[in-house]
Amino acid sequence: MAKGSEKNTKNKALHTKLLNRKKAKLQEEKAAKALRLKTLVTKMNQQKNSSETNAD
């Protein structure tokens, strides 16, 4: 009996590609969120510092 081609290798490759793409997207979103929070915190700290110096 002749052995046919292996099953699901194409589907597995596509699935892995999609999962890798999804993981990369989640990492980018996480990094973007962290950056936004960091800029917001620095902005709030600057406003807090400027209001404290004006009050003195």
N, C-alpha and C. Protein backbone atom coordinates (compact mmCIF):
# COMPACT_ATOMS: atom_id res chain seq x y z
N MET A 1 0.84 -1.19 0.00
CA MET A 1 0.00 0.00 0.00
C MET A 1 0.88 1.24 0.00
N ALA A 2 0.54 2.15 -0.87
CA ALA A 2 1.27 3.41 -0.94
C ALA A 2 0.76 4.35 0.15
N LYS A 3 1.71 4.98 0.76
CA LYS A 3 1.33 5.91 1.84
C LYS A 3 1.06 7.28 1.23
N GLY A 4 -0.05 7.88 1.59
CA GLY A 4 -0.41 9.20 1.07
C GLY A 4 0.35 10.29 1.80
N SER A 5 0.03 11.53 1.43
CA SER A 5 0.69 12.64 2.10
C SER A 5 0.21 12.73 3.54
N GLU A 6 1.03 13.34 4.37
CA GLU A 6 0.67 13.46 5.77
C GLU A 6 -0.56 14.32 5.93
N LYS A 7 -1.35 14.00 6.90
CA LYS A 7 -2.61 14.71 7.10
C LYS A 7 -2.38 16.00 7.88
N ASN A 8 -3.16 16.98 7.54
CA ASN A 8 -3.28 18.22 8.29
C ASN A 8 -2.00 19.05 8.41
N THR A 9 -0.98 18.77 7.66
CA THR A 9 0.24 19.57 7.79
C THR A 9 -0.03 20.99 7.33
N LYS A 10 -0.81 21.16 6.30
CA LYS A 10 -1.11 22.51 5.81
C LYS A 10 -1.97 23.25 6.83
N ASN A 11 -2.98 22.57 7.36
CA ASN A 11 -3.84 23.21 8.35
C ASN A 11 -3.08 23.56 9.62
N LYS A 12 -2.18 22.67 10.04
CA LYS A 12 -1.40 22.94 11.23
C LYS A 12 -0.50 24.15 11.03
N ALA A 13 0.09 24.25 9.84
CA ALA A 13 0.96 25.38 9.55
C ALA A 13 0.17 26.68 9.56
N LEU A 14 -1.01 26.67 8.97
CA LEU A 14 -1.84 27.87 8.95
C LEU A 14 -2.28 28.24 10.36
N HIS A 15 -2.64 27.24 11.14
CA HIS A 15 -3.09 27.49 12.50
C HIS A 15 -1.97 28.10 13.34
N THR A 16 -0.76 27.56 13.20
CA THR A 16 0.38 28.09 13.93
C THR A 16 0.65 29.53 13.51
N LYS A 17 0.54 29.80 12.23
CA LYS A 17 0.76 31.15 11.72
C LYS A 17 -0.25 32.12 12.33
N LEU A 18 -1.51 31.70 12.36
CA LEU A 18 -2.54 32.56 12.93
C LEU A 18 -2.33 32.78 14.43
N LEU A 19 -1.96 31.73 15.15
CA LEU A 19 -1.72 31.88 16.58
C LEU A 19 -0.55 32.80 16.85
N ASN A 20 0.50 32.69 16.06
CA ASN A 20 1.66 33.57 16.23
C ASN A 20 1.28 35.02 15.96
N ARG A 21 0.44 35.22 14.94
CA ARG A 21 -0.02 36.56 14.62
C ARG A 21 -0.85 37.13 15.77
N LYS A 22 -1.70 36.28 16.35
CA LYS A 22 -2.55 36.71 17.48
C LYS A 22 -1.70 37.07 18.69
N LYS A 23 -0.68 36.25 18.98
CA LYS A 23 0.20 36.52 20.11
C LYS A 23 0.94 37.84 19.92
N ALA A 24 1.42 38.07 18.70
CA ALA A 24 2.15 39.31 18.41
C ALA A 24 1.24 40.52 18.58
N LYS A 25 0.00 40.38 18.13
CA LYS A 25 -0.96 41.47 18.26
C LYS A 25 -1.24 41.78 19.73
N LEU A 26 -1.41 40.75 20.54
CA LEU A 26 -1.67 40.95 21.96
C LEU A 26 -0.48 41.62 22.65
N GLN A 27 0.74 41.22 22.26
CA GLN A 27 1.92 41.84 22.84
C GLN A 27 2.02 43.31 22.46
N GLU A 28 1.68 43.63 21.20
CA GLU A 28 1.71 45.03 20.76
C GLU A 28 0.68 45.85 21.52
N GLU A 29 -0.51 45.31 21.70
CA GLU A 29 -1.55 46.02 22.43
C GLU A 29 -1.14 46.24 23.88
N LYS A 30 -0.53 45.25 24.48
CA LYS A 30 -0.07 45.37 25.86
C LYS A 30 0.99 46.46 25.98
N ALA A 31 1.93 46.48 25.04
CA ALA A 31 2.99 47.49 25.06
C ALA A 31 2.41 48.88 24.83
N ALA A 32 1.45 49.01 23.93
CA ALA A 32 0.83 50.30 23.65
C ALA A 32 0.07 50.80 24.88
N LYS A 33 -0.63 49.89 25.55
CA LYS A 33 -1.38 50.27 26.75
C LYS A 33 -0.43 50.74 27.84
N ALA A 34 0.67 50.03 28.02
CA ALA A 34 1.66 50.41 29.02
C ALA A 34 2.26 51.77 28.71
N LEU A 35 2.52 52.02 27.44
CA LEU A 35 3.08 53.31 27.04
C LEU A 35 2.09 54.44 27.30
N ARG A 36 0.81 54.20 26.97
CA ARG A 36 -0.22 55.21 27.23
C ARG A 36 -0.33 55.51 28.72
N LEU A 37 -0.32 54.46 29.54
CA LEU A 37 -0.40 54.66 30.98
C LEU A 37 0.82 55.42 31.50
N LYS A 38 1.98 55.09 30.97
CA LYS A 38 3.20 55.75 31.41
C LYS A 38 3.16 57.24 31.08
N THR A 39 2.73 57.58 29.88
CA THR A 39 2.64 58.99 29.51
C THR A 39 1.59 59.71 30.34
N LEU A 40 0.49 59.04 30.62
CA LEU A 40 -0.56 59.64 31.45
C LEU A 40 -0.06 59.90 32.86
N VAL A 41 0.67 58.95 33.42
CA VAL A 41 1.20 59.12 34.78
C VAL A 41 2.19 60.27 34.82
N THR A 42 3.07 60.35 33.84
CA THR A 42 4.04 61.45 33.82
C THR A 42 3.34 62.80 33.67
N LYS A 43 2.31 62.84 32.85
CA LYS A 43 1.55 64.08 32.66
C LYS A 43 0.87 64.50 33.95
N MET A 44 0.26 63.52 34.64
CA MET A 44 -0.41 63.83 35.91
C MET A 44 0.60 64.28 36.96
N ASN A 45 1.77 63.65 36.99
CA ASN A 45 2.81 64.05 37.94
C ASN A 45 3.29 65.47 37.66
N GLN A 46 3.43 65.82 36.40
CA GLN A 46 3.84 67.18 36.04
C GLN A 46 2.78 68.19 36.48
N GLN A 47 1.52 67.86 36.25
CA GLN A 47 0.44 68.76 36.67
C GLN A 47 0.43 68.90 38.20
N LYS A 48 0.64 67.80 38.89
CA LYS A 48 0.65 67.81 40.35
C LYS A 48 1.81 68.67 40.86
N ASN A 49 2.98 68.50 40.26
CA ASN A 49 4.15 69.27 40.67
C ASN A 49 3.96 70.74 40.38
N SER A 50 3.38 71.06 39.22
CA SER A 50 3.20 72.48 38.89
C SER A 50 2.15 73.12 39.78
N SER A 51 1.12 72.37 40.16
CA SER A 51 0.10 72.94 41.05
C SER A 51 0.66 73.12 42.46
N GLU A 52 1.55 72.23 42.90
CA GLU A 52 2.15 72.37 44.22
C GLU A 52 3.08 73.58 44.25
N THR A 53 3.83 73.81 43.19
CA THR A 53 4.74 74.94 43.17
C THR A 53 3.97 76.26 43.09
N ASN A 54 2.84 76.26 42.42
CA ASN A 54 2.02 77.47 42.35
C ASN A 54 1.34 77.76 43.68
N ALA A 55 1.01 76.74 44.45
CA ALA A 55 0.34 76.92 45.72
C ALA A 55 1.30 77.46 46.78
N ASP A 56 2.59 77.16 46.64
CA ASP A 56 3.56 77.62 47.64
C ASP A 56 3.84 79.08 47.57
